[in-house]
Amino acid sequence: MQGAEDNVVTPLEQGNLDEAAVDEKERVLLEFVRLLTESPAKTTDSDVQRLREAGWNDLEIAEAVYVTALFAFFNRVADAFGLDGPEQSTPPAEFE
């Protein structure tokens, strides 16, 4: 999460949502995004309703779905072409 503190970013990088210092509204969204990423066919109307009850509106929910889908797309394209992730690549000489 851009601009977030370490007590949010580090647990999320480790896949540990329970330890992340996020409010309940964000937690519900992140749980939905995890479900959408790991098991998209298992998402239900009740999952979307839970987002609404947490305070997300339909445009925000749609944006979360689009962003999640785009990241999945980009990752699959990168994998298909054998592109290295940032942790595997060598920075250009001007950045060393």
PDB file of N, CA and C in Angstrom:
ATOM      1  N   MET A   1       0.848  -1.168   0.000  1.00  0.00           N
ATOM      2  CA  MET A   1       0.000   0.000   0.000  1.00  0.00           C
ATOM      3  C   MET A   1       0.893   1.229   0.000  1.00  0.00           C
ATOM      4  N   GLN A   2       0.743   2.011  -1.022  1.00  0.00           N
ATOM      5  CA  GLN A   2       1.609   3.155  -1.230  1.00  0.00           C
ATOM      6  C   GLN A   2       1.545   4.124  -0.053  1.00  0.00           C
ATOM      7  N   GLY A   3       2.709   4.497   0.450  1.00  0.00           N
ATOM      8  CA  GLY A   3       2.800   5.450   1.539  1.00  0.00           C
ATOM      9  C   GLY A   3       2.490   4.888   2.912  1.00  0.00           C
ATOM     10  N   ALA A   4       2.267   3.599   3.013  1.00  0.00           N
ATOM     11  CA  ALA A   4       1.912   2.991   4.293  1.00  0.00           C
ATOM     12  C   ALA A   4       3.148   2.780   5.162  1.00  0.00           C
ATOM     13  N   GLU A   5       2.923   2.694   6.442  1.00  0.00           N
ATOM     14  CA  GLU A   5       3.984   2.460   7.418  1.00  0.00           C
ATOM     15  C   GLU A   5       4.443   1.002   7.386  1.00  0.00           C
ATOM     16  N   ASP A   6       5.611   0.746   7.963  1.00  0.00           N
ATOM     17  CA  ASP A   6       6.163  -0.612   7.997  1.00  0.00           C
ATOM     18  C   ASP A   6       5.237  -1.609   8.689  1.00  0.00           C
ATOM     19  N   ASN A   7       4.476  -1.158   9.699  1.00  0.00           N
ATOM     20  CA  ASN A   7       3.598  -2.089  10.410  1.00  0.00           C
ATOM     21  C   ASN A   7       2.391  -2.513   9.563  1.00  0.00           C
ATOM     22  N   VAL A   8       2.258  -1.900   8.402  1.00  0.00           N
ATOM     23  CA  VAL A   8       1.260  -2.320   7.425  1.00  0.00           C
ATOM     24  C   VAL A   8       1.939  -3.105   6.304  1.00  0.00           C
ATOM     25  N   VAL A   9       2.995  -2.531   5.756  1.00  0.00           N
ATOM     26  CA  VAL A   9       3.640  -3.089   4.570  1.00  0.00           C
ATOM     27  C   VAL A   9       4.297  -4.441   4.850  1.00  0.00           C
ATOM     28  N   THR A  10       5.088  -4.535   5.904  1.00  0.00           N
ATOM     29  CA  THR A  10       5.841  -5.765   6.174  1.00  0.00           C
ATOM     30  C   THR A  10       4.930  -6.979   6.337  1.00  0.00           C
ATOM     31  N   PRO A  11       3.894  -6.922   7.174  1.00  0.00           N
ATOM     32  CA  PRO A  11       3.017  -8.102   7.266  1.00  0.00           C
ATOM     33  C   PRO A  11       2.333  -8.439   5.935  1.00  0.00           C
ATOM     34  N   LEU A  12       1.951  -7.410   5.176  1.00  0.00           N
ATOM     35  CA  LEU A  12       1.296  -7.676   3.896  1.00  0.00           C
ATOM     36  C   LEU A  12       2.259  -8.314   2.908  1.00  0.00           C
ATOM     37  N   GLU A  13       3.503  -7.878   2.899  1.00  0.00           N
ATOM     38  CA  GLU A  13       4.513  -8.498   2.032  1.00  0.00           C
ATOM     39  C   GLU A  13       4.702  -9.971   2.386  1.00  0.00           C
ATOM     40  N   GLN A  14       4.528 -10.281   3.655  1.00  0.00           N
ATOM     41  CA  GLN A  14       4.691 -11.654   4.127  1.00  0.00           C
ATOM     42  C   GLN A  14       3.391 -12.456   4.026  1.00  0.00           C
ATOM     43  N   GLY A  15       2.341 -11.834   3.503  1.00  0.00           N
ATOM     44  CA  GLY A  15       1.057 -12.523   3.367  1.00  0.00           C
ATOM     45  C   GLY A  15       0.322 -12.704   4.676  1.00  0.00           C
ATOM     46  N   ASN A  16       0.640 -11.879   5.670  1.00  0.00           N
ATOM     47  CA  ASN A  16       0.047 -12.021   6.995  1.00  0.00           C
ATOM     48  C   ASN A  16      -0.912 -10.859   7.273  1.00  0.00           C
ATOM     49  N   LEU A  17      -2.086 -10.936   6.702  1.00  0.00           N
ATOM     50  CA  LEU A  17      -3.077  -9.878   6.855  1.00  0.00           C
ATOM     51  C   LEU A  17      -3.474  -9.663   8.310  1.00  0.00           C
ATOM     52  N   ASP A  18      -3.495 -10.735   9.098  1.00  0.00           N
ATOM     53  CA  ASP A  18      -3.898 -10.617  10.506  1.00  0.00           C
ATOM     54  C   ASP A  18      -2.979  -9.706  11.310  1.00  0.00           C
ATOM     55  N   GLU A  19      -1.717  -9.604  10.914  1.00  0.00           N
ATOM     56  CA  GLU A  19      -0.753  -8.777  11.645  1.00  0.00           C
ATOM     57  C   GLU A  19      -0.652  -7.354  11.110  1.00  0.00           C
ATOM     58  N   ALA A  20      -1.274  -7.076   9.970  1.00  0.00           N
ATOM     59  CA  ALA A  20      -1.181  -5.748   9.360  1.00  0.00           C
ATOM     60  C   ALA A  20      -2.036  -4.739  10.125  1.00  0.00           C
ATOM     61  N   ALA A  21      -1.486  -3.571  10.339  1.00  0.00           N
ATOM     62  CA  ALA A  21      -2.187  -2.505  11.061  1.00  0.00           C
ATOM     63  C   ALA A  21      -3.090  -1.740  10.092  1.00  0.00           C
ATOM     64  N   VAL A  22      -4.197  -2.392   9.705  1.00  0.00           N
ATOM     65  CA  VAL A  22      -5.179  -1.759   8.826  1.00  0.00           C
ATOM     66  C   VAL A  22      -6.525  -1.741   9.532  1.00  0.00           C
ATOM     67  N   ASP A  23      -7.365  -0.789   9.157  1.00  0.00           N
ATOM     68  CA  ASP A  23      -8.687  -0.744   9.791  1.00  0.00           C
ATOM     69  C   ASP A  23      -9.587  -1.828   9.198  1.00  0.00           C
ATOM     70  N   GLU A  24     -10.737  -2.008   9.797  1.00  0.00           N
ATOM     71  CA  GLU A  24     -11.634  -3.101   9.402  1.00  0.00           C
ATOM     72  C   GLU A  24     -12.096  -2.954   7.953  1.00  0.00           C
ATOM     73  N   LYS A  25     -12.348  -1.728   7.522  1.00  0.00           N
ATOM     74  CA  LYS A  25     -12.787  -1.501   6.144  1.00  0.00           C
ATOM     75  C   LYS A  25     -11.725  -1.989   5.159  1.00  0.00           C
ATOM     76  N   GLU A  26     -10.457  -1.627   5.398  1.00  0.00           N
ATOM     77  CA  GLU A  26      -9.364  -2.070   4.526  1.00  0.00           C
ATOM     78  C   GLU A  26      -9.163  -3.581   4.614  1.00  0.00           C
ATOM     79  N   ARG A  27      -9.296  -4.124   5.811  1.00  0.00           N
ATOM     80  CA  ARG A  27      -9.107  -5.571   6.014  1.00  0.00           C
ATOM     81  C   ARG A  27     -10.121  -6.371   5.185  1.00  0.00           C
ATOM     82  N   VAL A  28     -11.369  -5.932   5.188  1.00  0.00           N
ATOM     83  CA  VAL A  28     -12.405  -6.617   4.415  1.00  0.00           C
ATOM     84  C   VAL A  28     -12.054  -6.573   2.923  1.00  0.00           C
ATOM     85  N   LEU A  29     -11.589  -5.430   2.452  1.00  0.00           N
ATOM     86  CA  LEU A  29     -11.204  -5.306   1.043  1.00  0.00           C
ATOM     87  C   LEU A  29     -10.018  -6.205   0.721  1.00  0.00           C
ATOM     88  N   LEU A  30      -9.010  -6.214   1.577  1.00  0.00           N
ATOM     89  CA  LEU A  30      -7.834  -7.046   1.333  1.00  0.00           C
ATOM     90  C   LEU A  30      -8.177  -8.534   1.385  1.00  0.00           C
ATOM     91  N   GLU A  31      -9.096  -8.921   2.247  1.00  0.00           N
ATOM     92  CA  GLU A  31      -9.545 -10.319   2.280  1.00  0.00           C
ATOM     93  C   GLU A  31     -10.231 -10.684   0.962  1.00  0.00           C
ATOM     94  N   PHE A  32     -11.046  -9.761   0.444  1.00  0.00           N
ATOM     95  CA  PHE A  32     -11.723  -9.992  -0.834  1.00  0.00           C
ATOM     96  C   PHE A  32     -10.705 -10.098  -1.970  1.00  0.00           C
ATOM     97  N   VAL A  33      -9.725  -9.203  -1.979  1.00  0.00           N
ATOM     98  CA  VAL A  33      -8.696  -9.231  -3.027  1.00  0.00           C
ATOM     99  C   VAL A  33      -7.905 -10.537  -2.962  1.00  0.00           C
ATOM    100  N   ARG A  34      -7.629 -11.007  -1.771  1.00  0.00           N
ATOM    101  CA  ARG A  34      -6.930 -12.297  -1.633  1.00  0.00           C
ATOM    102  C   ARG A  34      -7.778 -13.427  -2.228  1.00  0.00           C
ATOM    103  N   LEU A  35      -9.064 -13.431  -1.896  1.00  0.00           N
ATOM    104  CA  LEU A  35      -9.968 -14.449  -2.444  1.00  0.00           C
ATOM    105  C   LEU A  35     -10.020 -14.353  -3.968  1.00  0.00           C
ATOM    106  N   LEU A  36     -10.140 -13.145  -4.473  1.00  0.00           N
ATOM    107  CA  LEU A  36     -10.205 -12.928  -5.916  1.00  0.00           C
ATOM    108  C   LEU A  36      -8.917 -13.372  -6.604  1.00  0.00           C
ATOM    109  N   THR A  37      -7.789 -13.214  -5.945  1.00  0.00           N
ATOM    110  CA  THR A  37      -6.496 -13.609  -6.506  1.00  0.00           C
ATOM    111  C   THR A  37      -6.306 -15.123  -6.454  1.00  0.00           C
ATOM    112  N   GLU A  38      -6.603 -15.713  -5.316  1.00  0.00           N
ATOM    113  CA  GLU A  38      -6.305 -17.135  -5.107  1.00  0.00           C
ATOM    114  C   GLU A  38      -7.398 -18.070  -5.626  1.00  0.00           C
ATOM    115  N   SER A  39      -8.659 -17.658  -5.528  1.00  0.00           N
ATOM    116  CA  SER A  39      -9.775 -18.534  -5.903  1.00  0.00           C
ATOM    117  C   SER A  39     -10.901 -17.707  -6.521  1.00  0.00           C
ATOM    118  N   PRO A  40     -10.679 -17.094  -7.671  1.00  0.00           N
ATOM    119  CA  PRO A  40     -11.689 -16.184  -8.219  1.00  0.00           C
ATOM    120  C   PRO A  40     -13.053 -16.823  -8.435  1.00  0.00           C
ATOM    121  N   ALA A  41     -13.103 -18.088  -8.766  1.00  0.00           N
ATOM    122  CA  ALA A  41     -14.387 -18.751  -9.007  1.00  0.00           C
ATOM    123  C   ALA A  41     -15.195 -18.934  -7.727  1.00  0.00           C
ATOM    124  N   LYS A  42     -14.568 -18.747  -6.583  1.00  0.00           N
ATOM    125  CA  LYS A  42     -15.261 -18.922  -5.303  1.00  0.00           C
ATOM    126  C   LYS A  42     -15.874 -17.627  -4.776  1.00  0.00           C
ATOM    127  N   THR A  43     -15.692 -16.508  -5.487  1.00  0.00           N
ATOM    128  CA  THR A  43     -16.302 -15.263  -5.026  1.00  0.00           C
ATOM    129  C   THR A  43     -17.820 -15.359  -5.197  1.00  0.00           C
ATOM    130  N   THR A  44     -18.535 -14.778  -4.245  1.00  0.00           N
ATOM    131  CA  THR A  44     -19.993 -14.843  -4.254  1.00  0.00           C
ATOM    132  C   THR A  44     -20.588 -13.455  -4.059  1.00  0.00           C
ATOM    133  N   ASP A  45     -21.898 -13.372  -4.264  1.00  0.00           N
ATOM    134  CA  ASP A  45     -22.599 -12.120  -4.008  1.00  0.00           C
ATOM    135  C   ASP A  45     -22.435 -11.693  -2.555  1.00  0.00           C
ATOM    136  N   SER A  46     -22.374 -12.645  -1.644  1.00  0.00           N
ATOM    137  CA  SER A  46     -22.229 -12.297  -0.227  1.00  0.00           C
ATOM    138  C   SER A  46     -20.856 -11.680   0.058  1.00  0.00           C
ATOM    139  N   ASP A  47     -19.836 -12.058  -0.710  1.00  0.00           N
ATOM    140  CA  ASP A  47     -18.522 -11.424  -0.550  1.00  0.00           C
ATOM    141  C   ASP A  47     -18.599  -9.947  -0.925  1.00  0.00           C
ATOM    142  N   VAL A  48     -19.300  -9.659  -2.006  1.00  0.00           N
ATOM    143  CA  VAL A  48     -19.466  -8.266  -2.443  1.00  0.00           C
ATOM    144  C   VAL A  48     -20.338  -7.513  -1.449  1.00  0.00           C
ATOM    145  N   GLN A  49     -21.368  -8.152  -0.948  1.00  0.00           N
ATOM    146  CA  GLN A  49     -22.239  -7.507   0.038  1.00  0.00           C
ATOM    147  C   GLN A  49     -21.456  -7.161   1.306  1.00  0.00           C
ATOM    148  N   ARG A  50     -20.560  -8.025   1.696  1.00  0.00           N
ATOM    149  CA  ARG A  50     -19.732  -7.753   2.885  1.00  0.00           C
ATOM    150  C   ARG A  50     -18.892  -6.486   2.671  1.00  0.00           C
ATOM    151  N   LEU A  51     -18.396  -6.295   1.438  1.00  0.00           N
ATOM    152  CA  LEU A  51     -17.656  -5.065   1.121  1.00  0.00           C
ATOM    153  C   LEU A  51     -18.556  -3.840   1.264  1.00  0.00           C
ATOM    154  N   ARG A  52     -19.763  -3.943   0.752  1.00  0.00           N
ATOM    155  CA  ARG A  52     -20.717  -2.825   0.872  1.00  0.00           C
ATOM    156  C   ARG A  52     -20.989  -2.512   2.336  1.00  0.00           C
ATOM    157  N   GLU A  53     -21.188  -3.548   3.124  1.00  0.00           N
ATOM    158  CA  GLU A  53     -21.479  -3.352   4.548  1.00  0.00           C
ATOM    159  C   GLU A  53     -20.293  -2.745   5.292  1.00  0.00           C
ATOM    160  N   ALA A  54     -19.089  -2.966   4.775  1.00  0.00           N
ATOM    161  CA  ALA A  54     -17.887  -2.389   5.385  1.00  0.00           C
ATOM    162  C   ALA A  54     -17.689  -0.930   4.973  1.00  0.00           C
ATOM    163  N   GLY A  55     -18.482  -0.468   3.989  1.00  0.00           N
ATOM    164  CA  GLY A  55     -18.397   0.933   3.605  1.00  0.00           C
ATOM    165  C   GLY A  55     -17.887   1.201   2.199  1.00  0.00           C
ATOM    166  N   TRP A  56     -17.652   0.165   1.418  1.00  0.00           N
ATOM    167  CA  TRP A  56     -17.196   0.342   0.031  1.00  0.00           C
ATOM    168  C   TRP A  56     -18.407   0.473  -0.881  1.00  0.00           C
ATOM    169  N   ASN A  57     -18.324   1.400  -1.855  1.00  0.00           N
ATOM    170  CA  ASN A  57     -19.429   1.510  -2.804  1.00  0.00           C
ATOM    171  C   ASN A  57     -19.107   0.684  -4.053  1.00  0.00           C
ATOM    172  N   ASP A  58     -20.082   0.537  -4.928  1.00  0.00           N
ATOM    173  CA  ASP A  58     -19.919  -0.344  -6.076  1.00  0.00           C
ATOM    174  C   ASP A  58     -18.800   0.101  -7.019  1.00  0.00           C
ATOM    175  N   LEU A  59     -18.597   1.402  -7.189  1.00  0.00           N
ATOM    176  CA  LEU A  59     -17.493   1.869  -8.040  1.00  0.00           C
ATOM    177  C   LEU A  59     -16.142   1.510  -7.436  1.00  0.00           C
ATOM    178  N   GLU A  60     -16.012   1.638  -6.131  1.00  0.00           N
ATOM    179  CA  GLU A  60     -14.758   1.266  -5.457  1.00  0.00           C
ATOM    180  C   GLU A  60     -14.517  -0.238  -5.532  1.00  0.00           C
ATOM    181  N   ILE A  61     -15.572  -1.007  -5.384  1.00  0.00           N
ATOM    182  CA  ILE A  61     -15.446  -2.468  -5.481  1.00  0.00           C
ATOM    183  C   ILE A  61     -15.028  -2.853  -6.892  1.00  0.00           C
ATOM    184  N   ALA A  62     -15.649  -2.244  -7.889  1.00  0.00           N
ATOM    185  CA  ALA A  62     -15.287  -2.532  -9.276  1.00  0.00           C
ATOM    186  C   ALA A  62     -13.827  -2.173  -9.536  1.00  0.00           C
ATOM    187  N   GLU A  63     -13.380  -1.037  -9.008  1.00  0.00           N
ATOM    188  CA  GLU A  63     -11.981  -0.644  -9.198  1.00  0.00           C
ATOM    189  C   GLU A  63     -11.036  -1.667  -8.568  1.00  0.00           C
ATOM    190  N   ALA A  64     -11.371  -2.158  -7.388  1.00  0.00           N
ATOM    191  CA  ALA A  64     -10.539  -3.172  -6.735  1.00  0.00           C
ATOM    192  C   ALA A  64     -10.467  -4.439  -7.582  1.00  0.00           C
ATOM    193  N   VAL A  65     -11.603  -4.823  -8.178  1.00  0.00           N
ATOM    194  CA  VAL A  65     -11.622  -6.006  -9.045  1.00  0.00           C
ATOM    195  C   VAL A  65     -10.757  -5.766 -10.276  1.00  0.00           C
ATOM    196  N   TYR A  66     -10.882  -4.594 -10.895  1.00  0.00           N
ATOM    197  CA  TYR A  66     -10.095  -4.286 -12.095  1.00  0.00           C
ATOM    198  C   TYR A  66      -8.598  -4.279 -11.800  1.00  0.00           C
ATOM    199  N   VAL A  67      -8.205  -3.645 -10.713  1.00  0.00           N
ATOM    200  CA  VAL A  67      -6.785  -3.570 -10.361  1.00  0.00           C
ATOM    201  C   VAL A  67      -6.240  -4.964 -10.072  1.00  0.00           C
ATOM    202  N   THR A  68      -6.997  -5.762  -9.325  1.00  0.00           N
ATOM    203  CA  THR A  68      -6.576  -7.132  -9.026  1.00  0.00           C
ATOM    204  C   THR A  68      -6.425  -7.938 -10.305  1.00  0.00           C
ATOM    205  N   ALA A  69      -7.376  -7.804 -11.214  1.00  0.00           N
ATOM    206  CA  ALA A  69      -7.323  -8.530 -12.483  1.00  0.00           C
ATOM    207  C   ALA A  69      -6.138  -8.074 -13.331  1.00  0.00           C
ATOM    208  N   LEU A  70      -5.880  -6.775 -13.348  1.00  0.00           N
ATOM    209  CA  LEU A  70      -4.739  -6.271 -14.132  1.00  0.00           C
ATOM    210  C   LEU A  70      -3.414  -6.792 -13.600  1.00  0.00           C
ATOM    211  N   PHE A  71      -3.259  -6.829 -12.285  1.00  0.00           N
ATOM    212  CA  PHE A  71      -2.017  -7.372 -11.724  1.00  0.00           C
ATOM    213  C   PHE A  71      -1.864  -8.842 -12.090  1.00  0.00           C
ATOM    214  N   ALA A  72      -2.948  -9.602 -12.042  1.00  0.00           N
ATOM    215  CA  ALA A  72      -2.879 -11.008 -12.438  1.00  0.00           C
ATOM    216  C   ALA A  72      -2.483 -11.113 -13.909  1.00  0.00           C
ATOM    217  N   PHE A  73      -3.058 -10.268 -14.742  1.00  0.00           N
ATOM    218  CA  PHE A  73      -2.719 -10.255 -16.164  1.00  0.00           C
ATOM    219  C   PHE A  73      -1.244  -9.937 -16.378  1.00  0.00           C
ATOM    220  N   PHE A  74      -0.768  -8.863 -15.763  1.00  0.00           N
ATOM    221  CA  PHE A  74       0.635  -8.456 -15.939  1.00  0.00           C
ATOM    222  C   PHE A  74       1.588  -9.545 -15.464  1.00  0.00           C
ATOM    223  N   ASN A  75       1.261 -10.176 -14.334  1.00  0.00           N
ATOM    224  CA  ASN A  75       2.113 -11.250 -13.825  1.00  0.00           C
ATOM    225  C   ASN A  75       2.156 -12.431 -14.786  1.00  0.00           C
ATOM    226  N   ARG A  76       1.033 -12.771 -15.366  1.00  0.00           N
ATOM    227  CA  ARG A  76       1.005 -13.892 -16.309  1.00  0.00           C
ATOM    228  C   ARG A  76       1.777 -13.567 -17.587  1.00  0.00           C
ATOM    229  N   VAL A  77       1.656 -12.336 -18.074  1.00  0.00           N
ATOM    230  CA  VAL A  77       2.418 -11.929 -19.258  1.00  0.00           C
ATOM    231  C   VAL A  77       3.911 -11.971 -18.945  1.00  0.00           C
ATOM    232  N   ALA A  78       4.302 -11.437 -17.806  1.00  0.00           N
ATOM    233  CA  ALA A  78       5.718 -11.455 -17.414  1.00  0.00           C
ATOM    234  C   ALA A  78       6.225 -12.883 -17.298  1.00  0.00           C
ATOM    235  N   ASP A  79       5.437 -13.751 -16.695  1.00  0.00           N
ATOM    236  CA  ASP A  79       5.836 -15.154 -16.577  1.00  0.00           C
ATOM    237  C   ASP A  79       5.963 -15.806 -17.951  1.00  0.00           C
ATOM    238  N   ALA A  80       5.017 -15.529 -18.836  1.00  0.00           N
ATOM    239  CA  ALA A  80       5.032 -16.139 -20.170  1.00  0.00           C
ATOM    240  C   ALA A  80       6.267 -15.749 -20.971  1.00  0.00           C
ATOM    241  N   PHE A  81       6.738 -14.519 -20.777  1.00  0.00           N
ATOM    242  CA  PHE A  81       7.904 -14.045 -21.507  1.00  0.00           C
ATOM    243  C   PHE A  81       9.198 -14.175 -20.709  1.00  0.00           C
ATOM    244  N   GLY A  82       9.104 -14.757 -19.520  1.00  0.00           N
ATOM    245  CA  GLY A  82      10.295 -14.970 -18.713  1.00  0.00           C
ATOM    246  C   GLY A  82      10.930 -13.685 -18.204  1.00  0.00           C
ATOM    247  N   LEU A  83      10.122 -12.664 -17.981  1.00  0.00           N
ATOM    248  CA  LEU A  83      10.641 -11.392 -17.494  1.00  0.00           C
ATOM    249  C   LEU A  83      10.996 -11.503 -16.018  1.00  0.00           C
ATOM    250  N   ASP A  84      12.105 -10.905 -15.639  1.00  0.00           N
ATOM    251  CA  ASP A  84      12.542 -10.938 -14.247  1.00  0.00           C
ATOM    252  C   ASP A  84      11.755  -9.943 -13.417  1.00  0.00           C
ATOM    253  N   GLY A  85      11.545 -10.299 -12.157  1.00  0.00           N
ATOM    254  CA  GLY A  85      10.953  -9.371 -11.211  1.00  0.00           C
ATOM    255  C   GLY A  85      12.015  -8.399 -10.730  1.00  0.00           C
ATOM    256  N   PRO A  86      11.619  -7.333 -10.048  1.00  0.00           N
ATOM    257  CA  PRO A  86      12.587  -6.333  -9.588  1.00  0.00           C
ATOM    258  C   PRO A  86      13.680  -6.911  -8.706  1.00  0.00           C
ATOM    259  N   GLU A  87      13.356  -7.932  -7.908  1.00  0.00           N
ATOM    260  CA  GLU A  87      14.357  -8.513  -7.011  1.00  0.00           C
ATOM    261  C   GLU A  87      15.373  -9.356  -7.767  1.00  0.00           C
ATOM    262  N   GLN A  88      15.091  -9.698  -9.020  1.00  0.00           N
ATOM    263  CA  GLN A  88      15.978 -10.547  -9.799  1.00  0.00           C
ATOM    264  C   GLN A  88      16.774  -9.787 -10.846  1.00  0.00           C
ATOM    265  N   SER A  89      16.378  -8.585 -11.145  1.00  0.00           N
ATOM    266  CA  SER A  89      17.003  -7.858 -12.239  1.00  0.00           C
ATOM    267  C   SER A  89      18.163  -7.001 -11.745  1.00  0.00           C
ATOM    268  N   THR A  90      19.027  -6.656 -12.652  1.00  0.00           N
ATOM    269  CA  THR A  90      20.155  -5.793 -12.357  1.00  0.00           C
ATOM    270  C   THR A  90      19.780  -4.381 -12.758  1.00  0.00           C
ATOM    271  N   PRO A  91      19.932  -3.414 -11.852  1.00  0.00           N
ATOM    272  CA  PRO A  91      19.555  -2.043 -12.212  1.00  0.00           C
ATOM    273  C   PRO A  91      20.500  -1.480 -13.270  1.00  0.00           C
ATOM    274  N   PRO A  92      20.006  -0.560 -14.094  1.00  0.00           N
ATOM    275  CA  PRO A  92      20.881   0.076 -15.083  1.00  0.00           C
ATOM    276  C   PRO A  92      22.055   0.749 -14.378  1.00  0.00           C
ATOM    277  N   ALA A  93      23.161   0.878 -15.093  1.00  0.00           N
ATOM    278  CA  ALA A  93      24.400   1.436 -14.507  1.00  0.00           C
ATOM    279  C   ALA A  93      24.188   2.790 -13.866  1.00  0.00           C
ATOM    280  N   GLU A  94      23.316   3.621 -14.431  1.00  0.00           N
ATOM    281  CA  GLU A  94      23.105   4.974 -13.882  1.00  0.00           C
ATOM    282  C   GLU A  94      22.429   4.952 -12.514  1.00  0.00           C
ATOM    283  N   PHE A  95      21.874   3.810 -12.102  1.00  0.00           N
ATOM    284  CA  PHE A  95      21.230   3.701 -10.788  1.00  0.00           C
ATOM    285  C   PHE A  95      22.094   2.992  -9.760  1.00  0.00           C
ATOM    286  N   GLU A  96      23.254   2.550 -10.154  1.00  0.00           N
ATOM    287  CA  GLU A  96      24.124   1.816  -9.211  1.00  0.00           C
ATOM    288  C   GLU A  96      24.912   2.774  -8.352  1.00  0.00           C
TER     289      GLU A  96
END
